[in-house]
Amino acid sequence: MITAAQMRAARALLQIDQRQLAEQSGLSLPTIQRMEASDGVVRGNVESLMKLVDAFQLAGIELINDGAASPTGGRGVRLTAATPPGANTNQRRGRA
């Protein structure tokens, strides 16, 4: 799950705009705009949500869900080391 607030925070950490996120995720700009305009958890088809999450992960963003280890609790994002270009994302997820 990802919330609209997490999307905006992740984009801010990456210093990219909605158009750049659309290009990096392979989604359309209107889809990104609709997702970010939603209230709470972003709704969309599974394929679009996976493209979005994959794009953030490749850029080094870790999405933190409720209940995940965090000194202050709540949802958020965490910037991690970016994956080197050309790395197999399936291997990172244990799907090799």
N, C-alpha and C. Protein backbone atom coordinates (compact mmCIF):
# COMPACT_ATOMS: atom_id res chain seq x y z
N MET A 1 0.84 -1.19 0.00
CA MET A 1 0.00 0.00 0.00
C MET A 1 0.88 1.25 0.00
N ILE A 2 0.41 2.25 -0.65
CA ILE A 2 1.09 3.54 -0.67
C ILE A 2 0.03 4.62 -0.59
N THR A 3 0.31 5.67 0.15
CA THR A 3 -0.63 6.77 0.27
C THR A 3 -0.19 7.92 -0.63
N ALA A 4 -1.13 8.83 -0.88
CA ALA A 4 -0.82 10.01 -1.67
C ALA A 4 0.26 10.84 -0.98
N ALA A 5 0.20 10.92 0.34
CA ALA A 5 1.22 11.67 1.09
C ALA A 5 2.59 11.03 0.93
N GLN A 6 2.66 9.70 0.92
CA GLN A 6 3.94 9.03 0.70
C GLN A 6 4.47 9.33 -0.69
N MET A 7 3.58 9.36 -1.67
CA MET A 7 4.02 9.68 -3.04
C MET A 7 4.64 11.07 -3.09
N ARG A 8 3.96 12.05 -2.50
CA ARG A 8 4.47 13.42 -2.53
C ARG A 8 5.80 13.52 -1.77
N ALA A 9 5.89 12.83 -0.63
CA ALA A 9 7.12 12.87 0.16
C ALA A 9 8.28 12.21 -0.60
N ALA A 10 7.99 11.09 -1.25
CA ALA A 10 9.02 10.40 -2.01
C ALA A 10 9.51 11.27 -3.16
N ARG A 11 8.57 11.92 -3.85
CA ARG A 11 8.99 12.81 -4.95
C ARG A 11 9.83 13.95 -4.42
N ALA A 12 9.47 14.47 -3.25
CA ALA A 12 10.25 15.56 -2.66
C ALA A 12 11.67 15.11 -2.33
N LEU A 13 11.80 13.90 -1.76
CA LEU A 13 13.14 13.38 -1.45
C LEU A 13 13.97 13.22 -2.72
N LEU A 14 13.33 12.79 -3.79
CA LEU A 14 14.03 12.58 -5.06
C LEU A 14 14.19 13.86 -5.86
N GLN A 15 13.51 14.91 -5.43
CA GLN A 15 13.52 16.20 -6.13
C GLN A 15 13.09 16.06 -7.59
N ILE A 16 11.96 15.35 -7.78
CA ILE A 16 11.40 15.18 -9.12
C ILE A 16 9.96 15.68 -9.12
N ASP A 17 9.48 16.04 -10.29
CA ASP A 17 8.08 16.47 -10.39
C ASP A 17 7.22 15.30 -10.88
N GLN A 18 5.92 15.55 -10.99
CA GLN A 18 5.00 14.49 -11.39
C GLN A 18 5.32 13.96 -12.78
N ARG A 19 5.72 14.83 -13.67
CA ARG A 19 6.05 14.40 -15.04
C ARG A 19 7.24 13.44 -15.03
N GLN A 20 8.26 13.75 -14.25
CA GLN A 20 9.42 12.88 -14.17
C GLN A 20 9.06 11.53 -13.55
N LEU A 21 8.19 11.55 -12.53
CA LEU A 21 7.74 10.29 -11.93
C LEU A 21 6.97 9.46 -12.94
N ALA A 22 6.15 10.11 -13.74
CA ALA A 22 5.39 9.40 -14.77
C ALA A 22 6.36 8.72 -15.75
N GLU A 23 7.39 9.43 -16.17
CA GLU A 23 8.37 8.86 -17.10
C GLU A 23 9.12 7.70 -16.47
N GLN A 24 9.54 7.86 -15.22
CA GLN A 24 10.32 6.82 -14.56
C GLN A 24 9.50 5.57 -14.25
N SER A 25 8.20 5.75 -14.03
CA SER A 25 7.35 4.61 -13.68
C SER A 25 6.66 3.98 -14.89
N GLY A 26 6.67 4.67 -16.01
CA GLY A 26 5.97 4.17 -17.19
C GLY A 26 4.47 4.38 -17.12
N LEU A 27 4.04 5.29 -16.24
CA LEU A 27 2.61 5.63 -16.12
C LEU A 27 2.38 6.98 -16.77
N SER A 28 1.12 7.28 -17.05
CA SER A 28 0.81 8.58 -17.65
C SER A 28 0.79 9.66 -16.57
N LEU A 29 1.02 10.90 -17.00
CA LEU A 29 0.95 12.03 -16.08
C LEU A 29 -0.43 12.13 -15.41
N PRO A 30 -1.53 11.99 -16.16
CA PRO A 30 -2.84 12.04 -15.50
C PRO A 30 -3.03 10.95 -14.44
N THR A 31 -2.43 9.79 -14.65
CA THR A 31 -2.52 8.72 -13.65
C THR A 31 -1.79 9.12 -12.38
N ILE A 32 -0.60 9.67 -12.52
CA ILE A 32 0.17 10.13 -11.35
C ILE A 32 -0.61 11.24 -10.64
N GLN A 33 -1.16 12.17 -11.39
CA GLN A 33 -1.93 13.26 -10.79
C GLN A 33 -3.15 12.74 -10.03
N ARG A 34 -3.84 11.77 -10.62
CA ARG A 34 -5.01 11.18 -9.96
C ARG A 34 -4.61 10.47 -8.68
N MET A 35 -3.53 9.72 -8.75
CA MET A 35 -3.06 9.00 -7.56
C MET A 35 -2.72 9.96 -6.43
N GLU A 36 -2.00 11.02 -6.75
CA GLU A 36 -1.60 11.98 -5.72
C GLU A 36 -2.76 12.80 -5.20
N ALA A 37 -3.82 12.91 -5.96
CA ALA A 37 -4.99 13.68 -5.52
C ALA A 37 -5.93 12.85 -4.65
N SER A 38 -5.66 11.55 -4.54
CA SER A 38 -6.55 10.69 -3.76
C SER A 38 -6.41 11.00 -2.28
N ASP A 39 -7.42 10.59 -1.54
CA ASP A 39 -7.44 10.81 -0.10
C ASP A 39 -7.04 9.51 0.59
N GLY A 40 -5.88 9.51 1.22
CA GLY A 40 -5.42 8.31 1.91
C GLY A 40 -4.69 7.36 0.98
N VAL A 41 -5.04 6.07 1.08
CA VAL A 41 -4.36 5.03 0.29
C VAL A 41 -4.68 5.22 -1.19
N VAL A 42 -3.64 5.16 -2.01
CA VAL A 42 -3.80 5.31 -3.46
C VAL A 42 -4.50 4.07 -4.02
N ARG A 43 -5.48 4.31 -4.85
CA ARG A 43 -6.19 3.22 -5.49
C ARG A 43 -5.81 3.19 -6.97
N GLY A 44 -5.73 1.99 -7.50
CA GLY A 44 -5.39 1.82 -8.90
C GLY A 44 -5.27 0.35 -9.20
N ASN A 45 -5.08 0.03 -10.45
CA ASN A 45 -4.93 -1.40 -10.76
C ASN A 45 -3.57 -1.86 -10.27
N VAL A 46 -3.46 -3.15 -10.03
CA VAL A 46 -2.25 -3.73 -9.44
C VAL A 46 -1.02 -3.42 -10.28
N GLU A 47 -1.15 -3.53 -11.59
CA GLU A 47 0.00 -3.29 -12.47
C GLU A 47 0.52 -1.86 -12.32
N SER A 48 -0.37 -0.89 -12.28
CA SER A 48 0.05 0.51 -12.14
C SER A 48 0.70 0.75 -10.78
N LEU A 49 0.12 0.18 -9.74
CA LEU A 49 0.70 0.36 -8.40
C LEU A 49 2.08 -0.27 -8.31
N MET A 50 2.25 -1.44 -8.94
CA MET A 50 3.56 -2.09 -8.92
C MET A 50 4.60 -1.28 -9.69
N LYS A 51 4.20 -0.70 -10.81
CA LYS A 51 5.11 0.16 -11.58
C LYS A 51 5.56 1.34 -10.72
N LEU A 52 4.62 1.93 -10.00
CA LEU A 52 4.91 3.08 -9.16
C LEU A 52 5.88 2.69 -8.04
N VAL A 53 5.57 1.64 -7.33
CA VAL A 53 6.42 1.18 -6.22
C VAL A 53 7.80 0.78 -6.73
N ASP A 54 7.85 0.07 -7.86
CA ASP A 54 9.14 -0.32 -8.44
C ASP A 54 9.99 0.89 -8.80
N ALA A 55 9.36 1.92 -9.37
CA ALA A 55 10.10 3.13 -9.74
C ALA A 55 10.69 3.78 -8.50
N PHE A 56 9.91 3.86 -7.44
CA PHE A 56 10.44 4.44 -6.20
C PHE A 56 11.57 3.60 -5.64
N GLN A 57 11.41 2.29 -5.63
CA GLN A 57 12.45 1.41 -5.09
C GLN A 57 13.74 1.52 -5.90
N LEU A 58 13.62 1.57 -7.21
CA LEU A 58 14.81 1.71 -8.05
C LEU A 58 15.53 3.03 -7.79
N ALA A 59 14.76 4.05 -7.42
CA ALA A 59 15.34 5.36 -7.13
C ALA A 59 15.89 5.45 -5.71
N GLY A 60 15.67 4.39 -4.91
CA GLY A 60 16.21 4.38 -3.56
C GLY A 60 15.24 4.75 -2.47
N ILE A 61 13.96 4.71 -2.76
CA ILE A 61 12.94 5.05 -1.76
C ILE A 61 12.40 3.78 -1.13
N GLU A 62 12.38 3.76 0.20
CA GLU A 62 11.77 2.67 0.94
C GLU A 62 10.45 3.18 1.51
N LEU A 63 9.37 2.51 1.18
CA LEU A 63 8.06 2.88 1.70
C LEU A 63 7.88 2.22 3.06
N ILE A 64 7.47 2.99 4.05
CA ILE A 64 7.32 2.49 5.41
C ILE A 64 5.83 2.43 5.74
N ASN A 65 5.32 1.25 6.05
CA ASN A 65 3.91 1.08 6.37
C ASN A 65 3.66 1.22 7.85
N ASP A 66 2.39 1.37 8.22
CA ASP A 66 2.01 1.41 9.63
C ASP A 66 2.58 0.20 10.35
N GLY A 67 3.09 0.41 11.54
CA GLY A 67 3.61 -0.69 12.34
C GLY A 67 5.04 -1.07 12.04
N ALA A 68 5.61 -0.50 10.98
CA ALA A 68 7.01 -0.81 10.66
C ALA A 68 7.91 -0.08 11.66
N ALA A 69 9.10 -0.61 11.86
CA ALA A 69 10.03 0.00 12.81
C ALA A 69 10.31 1.44 12.44
N SER A 70 10.02 2.32 13.37
CA SER A 70 10.23 3.74 13.19
C SER A 70 10.22 4.38 14.57
N PRO A 71 11.15 5.28 14.86
CA PRO A 71 11.20 5.87 16.19
C PRO A 71 9.93 6.62 16.57
N THR A 72 9.24 7.19 15.59
CA THR A 72 8.04 7.97 15.90
C THR A 72 6.76 7.32 15.42
N GLY A 73 6.83 6.19 14.74
CA GLY A 73 5.64 5.48 14.26
C GLY A 73 5.00 6.17 13.07
N GLY A 74 3.90 5.62 12.60
CA GLY A 74 3.18 6.19 11.46
C GLY A 74 3.77 5.79 10.13
N ARG A 75 3.19 6.33 9.08
CA ARG A 75 3.64 6.04 7.72
C ARG A 75 4.73 7.03 7.33
N GLY A 76 5.46 6.68 6.30
CA GLY A 76 6.48 7.59 5.81
C GLY A 76 7.25 6.98 4.68
N VAL A 77 8.35 7.61 4.35
CA VAL A 77 9.27 7.11 3.33
C VAL A 77 10.67 7.24 3.90
N ARG A 78 11.54 6.43 3.37
CA ARG A 78 12.93 6.48 3.81
C ARG A 78 13.79 6.39 2.57
N LEU A 79 14.78 7.23 2.48
CA LEU A 79 15.70 7.20 1.35
C LEU A 79 16.78 6.17 1.62
N THR A 80 16.90 5.20 0.72
CA THR A 80 17.92 4.16 0.83
C THR A 80 18.91 4.34 -0.30
N ALA A 81 19.94 3.54 -0.31
CA ALA A 81 20.91 3.59 -1.40
C ALA A 81 20.22 3.17 -2.69
N ALA A 82 20.39 3.92 -3.74
CA ALA A 82 19.76 3.62 -5.02
C ALA A 82 20.38 2.35 -5.62
N THR A 83 19.57 1.63 -6.36
CA THR A 83 20.03 0.43 -7.06
C THR A 83 20.88 0.85 -8.25
N PRO A 84 22.02 0.21 -8.44
CA PRO A 84 22.86 0.56 -9.60
C PRO A 84 22.09 0.34 -10.90
N PRO A 85 22.30 1.19 -11.90
CA PRO A 85 21.62 1.01 -13.18
C PRO A 85 21.86 -0.38 -13.74
N GLY A 86 20.81 -1.00 -14.25
CA GLY A 86 20.92 -2.30 -14.86
C GLY A 86 20.79 -3.46 -13.88
N ALA A 87 20.63 -3.16 -12.59
CA ALA A 87 20.49 -4.24 -11.61
C ALA A 87 19.14 -4.91 -11.79
N ASN A 88 19.09 -6.21 -11.54
CA ASN A 88 17.85 -6.97 -11.68
C ASN A 88 17.00 -6.78 -10.43
N THR A 89 15.86 -6.08 -10.56
CA THR A 89 15.00 -5.82 -9.41
C THR A 89 14.36 -7.08 -8.89
N ASN A 90 14.19 -8.12 -9.71
CA ASN A 90 13.61 -9.37 -9.23
C ASN A 90 14.54 -10.04 -8.23
N GLN A 91 15.84 -9.91 -8.43
CA GLN A 91 16.79 -10.49 -7.48
C GLN A 91 16.72 -9.79 -6.14
N ARG A 92 16.52 -8.46 -6.15
CA ARG A 92 16.43 -7.71 -4.91
C ARG A 92 15.23 -8.15 -4.09
N ARG A 93 14.20 -8.63 -4.74
CA ARG A 93 12.98 -9.03 -4.04
C ARG A 93 12.92 -10.53 -3.80
N GLY A 94 13.97 -11.22 -4.11
CA GLY A 94 13.98 -12.66 -3.89
C GLY A 94 13.18 -13.44 -4.91
N ARG A 95 12.99 -12.86 -6.11
CA ARG A 95 12.21 -13.54 -7.16
C ARG A 95 13.10 -14.03 -8.30
N ALA A 96 14.36 -14.19 -8.06
CA ALA A 96 15.27 -14.55 -9.15
C ALA A 96 15.02 -15.95 -9.65
